[in-house]
Protein backbone atom coordinates (compact mmCIF):
# COMPACT_ATOMS: atom_id res chain seq x y z
CA UNK A 1 -0.33 0.13 -0.20
CA UNK A 2 1.26 3.23 -1.10
CA UNK A 3 2.29 5.75 2.04
CA UNK A 4 1.00 8.83 2.87
CA UNK A 5 4.23 10.45 3.76
CA UNK A 6 5.38 13.81 2.23
CA UNK A 7 1.43 14.81 0.94
CA UNK A 8 0.04 17.75 2.46
CA UNK A 9 -2.46 18.05 4.63
CA UNK A 10 -5.38 19.32 2.23
CA UNK A 11 -4.79 15.96 0.21
CA UNK A 12 -5.63 14.30 2.93
CA UNK A 13 -8.55 15.82 4.26
CA UNK A 14 -12.01 14.60 3.28
CA UNK A 15 -14.12 17.24 1.33
CA UNK A 16 -16.05 18.00 -1.98
CA UNK A 17 -15.96 15.30 -4.56
CA UNK A 18 -15.77 18.53 -7.04
CA UNK A 19 -11.74 19.21 -8.55
CA UNK A 20 -12.82 22.33 -9.03
CA UNK A 21 -13.51 23.38 -5.24
CA UNK A 22 -10.39 21.46 -4.40
CA UNK A 23 -8.02 23.49 -6.59
CA UNK A 24 -9.39 26.56 -5.24
CA UNK A 25 -9.00 25.63 -1.86
CA UNK A 26 -5.15 24.49 -2.33
CA UNK A 27 -3.88 26.19 -5.69
CA UNK A 28 -6.65 29.05 -6.05
CA UNK A 29 -3.96 30.77 -8.69
CA UNK A 30 -4.48 27.95 -11.30
CA UNK A 31 -8.15 28.78 -11.98
CA UNK A 32 -8.74 30.74 -14.59
CA UNK A 33 -10.80 33.59 -12.57
CA UNK A 34 -7.98 33.86 -10.08
CA UNK A 35 -6.84 37.60 -10.19
CA UNK A 36 -3.42 36.23 -11.04
CA UNK A 37 -5.39 35.26 -14.55
CA UNK A 38 -7.56 38.61 -14.84
CA UNK A 39 -6.87 40.40 -17.66
CA UNK A 40 -9.87 43.14 -17.94
CA UNK A 41 -7.51 45.63 -16.51
CA UNK A 42 -5.30 45.55 -20.15
CA UNK A 43 -8.31 46.30 -22.25
CA UNK A 44 -10.80 49.00 -22.72
CA UNK A 45 -14.30 48.05 -21.72
CA UNK A 46 -17.42 49.59 -22.90
CA UNK A 47 -20.68 51.02 -21.58
CA UNK A 48 -23.80 51.55 -21.37
CA UNK A 49 -26.04 50.00 -23.99
CA UNK A 50 -29.68 50.98 -24.05
CA UNK A 51 -32.87 49.56 -25.90
CA UNK A 52 -37.00 50.26 -25.79
CA UNK A 53 -39.24 48.92 -28.44
CA UNK A 54 -42.13 50.92 -29.43
CA UNK A 55 -45.15 50.57 -31.85
CA UNK A 56 -43.56 50.06 -34.84
CA UNK A 57 -40.24 49.06 -34.33
CA UNK A 58 -37.12 49.37 -31.50
CA UNK A 59 -34.70 52.24 -30.56
CA UNK A 60 -31.06 51.38 -29.45
CA UNK A 61 -28.39 54.08 -28.06
CA UNK A 62 -25.32 53.47 -26.50
CA UNK A 63 -22.75 55.81 -24.35
CA UNK A 64 -19.34 56.67 -26.37
CA UNK A 65 -16.70 56.03 -23.50
CA UNK A 66 -14.86 53.33 -23.08
CA UNK A 67 -12.84 53.37 -19.83
CA UNK A 68 -9.45 51.14 -18.59
CA UNK A 69 -9.55 50.80 -14.49
CA UNK A 70 -10.26 54.35 -13.62
CA UNK A 71 -9.17 56.20 -16.79
CA UNK A 72 -10.69 56.97 -19.89
CA UNK A 73 -9.41 54.68 -22.69
CA UNK A 74 -11.96 56.60 -26.12
CA UNK A 75 -14.23 59.02 -26.01
CA UNK A 76 -16.03 58.43 -28.92
CA UNK A 77 -15.98 54.46 -29.27
CA UNK A 78 -19.18 53.27 -31.53
CA UNK A 79 -20.89 50.82 -29.33
CA UNK A 80 -24.36 50.28 -31.57
CA UNK A 81 -24.28 48.93 -35.17
CA UNK A 82 -26.88 47.56 -37.60
CA UNK A 83 -26.31 43.71 -37.86
CA UNK A 84 -28.18 43.67 -41.19
CA UNK A 85 -30.87 45.15 -43.09
CA UNK A 86 -33.52 44.62 -39.66
CA UNK A 87 -31.38 44.13 -36.45
CA UNK A 88 -29.18 46.19 -34.16
CA UNK A 89 -26.38 44.63 -31.66
CA UNK A 90 -25.00 46.89 -29.21
CA UNK A 91 -21.70 45.83 -27.30
CA UNK A 92 -20.96 45.88 -23.76
CA UNK A 93 -17.64 44.30 -21.96
CA UNK A 94 -14.58 43.73 -23.43
CA UNK A 95 -14.08 46.43 -26.40
CA UNK A 96 -11.47 44.93 -28.96
CA UNK A 97 -13.28 41.50 -28.58
CA UNK A 98 -16.59 43.35 -28.80
CA UNK A 99 -16.01 44.97 -31.68
CA UNK A 100 -14.27 41.69 -33.46
CA UNK A 101 -17.64 39.53 -32.67
CA UNK A 102 -20.06 42.45 -34.25
CA UNK A 103 -17.97 42.15 -37.33
CA UNK A 104 -17.80 38.76 -37.57
CA UNK A 105 -21.74 38.40 -37.05
CA UNK A 106 -22.40 40.95 -39.71
CA UNK A 107 -20.61 39.06 -41.94
CA UNK A 108 -22.23 35.75 -40.71
CA UNK A 109 -25.78 36.63 -41.06
CA UNK A 110 -24.72 38.08 -44.39
CA UNK A 111 -23.16 34.98 -45.41
CA UNK A 112 -25.99 32.58 -44.51
CA UNK A 113 -27.71 35.53 -46.74
CA UNK A 114 -26.31 34.96 -49.74
CA UNK A 115 -25.33 31.18 -49.77
CA UNK A 116 -29.42 29.79 -48.36
CA UNK A 117 -30.94 32.89 -50.37
CA UNK A 118 -33.04 34.09 -47.54
CA UNK A 119 -32.13 35.96 -44.19
CA UNK A 120 -32.45 34.16 -40.85
CA UNK A 121 -35.08 34.94 -38.60
CA UNK A 122 -34.97 37.09 -35.59
CA UNK A 123 -34.44 33.91 -33.13
CA UNK A 124 -31.93 32.32 -35.98
CA UNK A 125 -29.73 35.17 -35.80
CA UNK A 126 -29.88 35.55 -31.86
CA UNK A 127 -29.08 32.41 -32.06
CA UNK A 128 -25.89 32.33 -34.03
CA UNK A 129 -24.97 35.59 -31.66
CA UNK A 130 -25.71 32.77 -28.55
CA UNK A 131 -23.24 30.60 -30.20
CA UNK A 132 -20.42 33.19 -30.41
CA UNK A 133 -20.67 34.60 -26.91
CA UNK A 134 -20.35 31.40 -26.25
CA UNK A 135 -17.06 30.46 -27.76
CA UNK A 136 -15.99 33.40 -25.72
CA UNK A 137 -16.48 31.92 -22.49
CA UNK A 138 -13.02 31.06 -21.82
CA UNK A 139 -11.86 34.59 -22.09
CA UNK A 140 -14.75 35.70 -20.23
CA UNK A 141 -13.34 33.85 -17.32
CA UNK A 142 -10.00 35.89 -17.42
CA UNK A 143 -12.18 39.31 -17.18
CA UNK A 144 -12.63 39.95 -20.88
CA UNK A 145 -16.49 38.92 -21.09
CA UNK A 146 -18.65 40.46 -23.82
CA UNK A 147 -22.36 41.29 -23.35
CA UNK A 148 -24.01 42.28 -26.37
CA UNK A 149 -27.84 43.63 -26.48
CA UNK A 150 -29.35 42.22 -30.22
CA UNK A 151 -32.74 43.86 -31.40
CA UNK A 152 -34.57 44.24 -34.09
CA UNK A 153 -37.95 44.02 -35.90
CA UNK A 154 -38.75 40.55 -36.44
CA UNK A 155 -40.63 40.48 -40.04
CA UNK A 156 -42.43 36.89 -39.15
CA UNK A 157 -44.24 38.35 -35.67
CA UNK A 158 -44.47 42.00 -36.96
CA UNK A 159 -42.82 44.06 -33.67
CA UNK A 160 -39.63 44.95 -32.62
CA UNK A 161 -37.80 43.00 -29.78
CA UNK A 162 -35.00 42.55 -27.92
CA UNK A 163 -32.48 40.02 -26.45
CA UNK A 164 -29.57 40.10 -23.95
CA UNK A 165 -27.23 37.33 -23.20
CA UNK A 166 -24.90 35.92 -20.69
CA UNK A 167 -21.71 35.20 -20.59
CA UNK A 168 -22.13 31.86 -21.30
CA UNK A 169 -24.59 32.66 -24.40
CA UNK A 170 -27.72 31.97 -22.46
CA UNK A 171 -30.55 34.19 -23.94
CA UNK A 172 -33.05 35.85 -22.81
CA UNK A 173 -36.52 37.54 -24.17
CA UNK A 174 -36.75 41.21 -23.00
CA UNK A 175 -40.24 43.01 -22.66
CA UNK A 176 -40.42 46.71 -23.43
CA UNK A 177 -36.58 48.13 -22.40
CA UNK A 178 -33.30 46.43 -21.30
CA UNK A 179 -30.26 47.64 -20.60
CA UNK A 180 -26.59 46.29 -20.56
CA UNK A 181 -23.68 47.42 -18.95
CA UNK A 182 -21.87 48.98 -15.77
CA UNK A 183 -24.75 51.73 -15.76
CA UNK A 184 -27.54 49.46 -17.05
CA UNK A 185 -29.04 49.22 -13.50
CA UNK A 186 -29.55 53.57 -13.47
CA UNK A 187 -30.71 53.19 -17.12
CA UNK A 188 -33.04 50.36 -16.19
CA UNK A 189 -34.75 52.17 -13.51
CA UNK A 190 -34.80 55.94 -15.46
CA UNK A 191 -37.00 53.93 -18.08
CA UNK A 192 -39.01 52.35 -15.72
CA UNK A 193 -40.71 55.44 -14.92
CA UNK A 194 -40.02 56.89 -18.75
CA UNK A 195 -41.39 53.97 -21.08
CA UNK A 196 -44.98 54.31 -22.36
CA UNK A 197 -46.14 51.00 -25.02
CA UNK A 198 -47.07 53.79 -27.16
CA UNK A 199 -44.11 56.07 -27.68
CA UNK A 200 -43.16 56.84 -31.03
CA UNK A 201 -40.10 56.43 -32.31
CA UNK A 202 -38.52 59.83 -31.86
CA UNK A 203 -40.10 59.67 -28.22
CA UNK A 204 -38.26 56.41 -27.23
CA UNK A 205 -35.33 57.94 -28.94
CA UNK A 206 -35.48 60.32 -26.13
CA UNK A 207 -36.33 58.44 -23.29
CA UNK A 208 -33.48 55.84 -23.79
CA UNK A 209 -30.88 59.16 -24.06
CA UNK A 210 -32.75 59.97 -21.09
CA UNK A 211 -31.40 56.83 -19.40
CA UNK A 212 -27.99 57.01 -20.57
CA UNK A 213 -27.80 60.71 -19.02
CA UNK A 214 -29.44 59.20 -15.67
CA UNK A 215 -26.55 56.33 -16.14
CA UNK A 216 -23.57 58.49 -16.56
CA UNK A 217 -25.02 60.83 -13.48
CA UNK A 218 -24.56 58.01 -11.56
CA UNK A 219 -21.60 55.78 -13.18
CA UNK A 220 -18.40 56.96 -13.96
CA UNK A 221 -17.60 54.42 -16.66
CA UNK A 222 -20.75 55.88 -18.75
CA UNK A 223 -20.05 59.18 -20.65
CA UNK A 224 -22.55 61.61 -20.87
CA UNK A 225 -23.02 64.42 -23.81
CA UNK A 226 -19.79 66.18 -24.18
CA UNK A 227 -20.90 69.18 -25.77
CA UNK A 228 -17.42 70.70 -26.26
CA UNK A 229 -16.18 68.09 -28.06
CA UNK A 230 -19.96 67.50 -29.76
CA UNK A 231 -19.76 63.81 -29.07
CA UNK A 232 -23.15 62.60 -28.48
CA UNK A 233 -24.81 58.91 -28.04
CA UNK A 234 -25.36 56.90 -31.41
CA UNK A 235 -29.22 56.15 -31.62
CA UNK A 236 -30.38 53.54 -34.04
CA UNK A 237 -34.00 52.39 -34.81
CA UNK A 238 -34.89 48.91 -36.52
CA UNK A 239 -38.73 49.19 -38.08
CA UNK A 240 -40.57 47.76 -40.82
CA UNK A 241 -38.61 49.82 -42.87
CA UNK A 242 -35.05 48.45 -42.04
CA UNK A 243 -32.61 49.97 -39.75
CA UNK A 244 -31.53 53.93 -39.51
CA UNK A 245 -29.51 55.84 -37.79
CA UNK A 246 -30.46 59.22 -36.28
CA UNK A 247 -28.38 62.24 -37.67
CA UNK A 248 -25.60 63.81 -35.39
CA UNK A 249 -28.06 67.31 -36.15
CA UNK A 250 -30.61 65.14 -34.90
CA UNK A 251 -29.26 63.79 -31.67
CA UNK A 252 -27.78 67.87 -31.13
CA UNK A 253 -31.19 69.13 -30.95
CA UNK A 254 -31.83 66.28 -28.38
CA UNK A 255 -29.52 66.83 -26.22
CA UNK A 256 -30.17 70.69 -26.40
CA UNK A 257 -33.67 69.81 -25.30
CA UNK A 258 -32.81 67.69 -22.48
CA UNK A 259 -30.24 69.99 -21.20
CA UNK A 260 -32.44 72.74 -21.05
CA UNK A 261 -34.52 69.98 -19.27
CA UNK A 262 -31.65 69.08 -16.82
CA UNK A 263 -31.39 72.77 -15.92
CA UNK A 264 -34.87 73.49 -14.58
CA UNK A 265 -34.90 69.76 -13.20
CA UNK A 266 -31.48 67.71 -12.66
CA UNK A 267 -32.89 65.09 -12.10
CA UNK A 268 -34.94 64.25 -15.03
CA UNK A 269 -38.39 64.55 -16.31
CA UNK A 270 -41.28 63.30 -13.76
CA UNK A 271 -43.00 60.02 -14.41
CA UNK A 272 -46.68 60.34 -15.64
CA UNK A 273 -48.32 58.79 -12.40
CA UNK A 274 -51.53 57.43 -13.29
């Protein structure tokens, strides 16, 4: 019988049948999630993305700030993109990986349509994106997670839809509005007060921009409108007519209205208490 001499006490102690738990207790530095392997401080991260449905489509907006730790890495990063003719994708998380994932996702949708002669359904697009997020799981365990927000016009059901994800690729259908990123808690809180099902596209756009402003007010990683540099949120809409982006002049006018209102009421517009 082999001798136990020389083995550390941890190897002789009764415990869980999970090797991961054993390794976490004995040599935690060997786990991917241990701080020695945390690479999040090496890459810019992007936040915050907000989306809301309206009667006729869905609108999505993103702030322009990317951070690296406590530093502002970029002031004008683009976080909202058209995925194809009828859908949008917004990125939060490790910016470099997220942008590459969006590029590959767009090519994936275009390639499918060329080969099959017909576009994927909205659910099919959402599932493709879920698979790509799942492939990034090893990097996510090292702090380089990507959590996109996907939205689009469903030609089958004739409505705008919003789909969120977790780091493992799990996908979740959201109702009415949603937000991802470090400022998402504050943005969702704002939208709870501002959202109504009967909003027009312009009103929905103002609602998500107001939500981003509130997120920036409480979250240092979310950038507010930069009036001196003329850097404003990117706002896009997907409807039966396809994907369209609000012009910079339109967003500038929207920002002027928003800030004028905040001068009178810094905490934002009052909710309709019906």
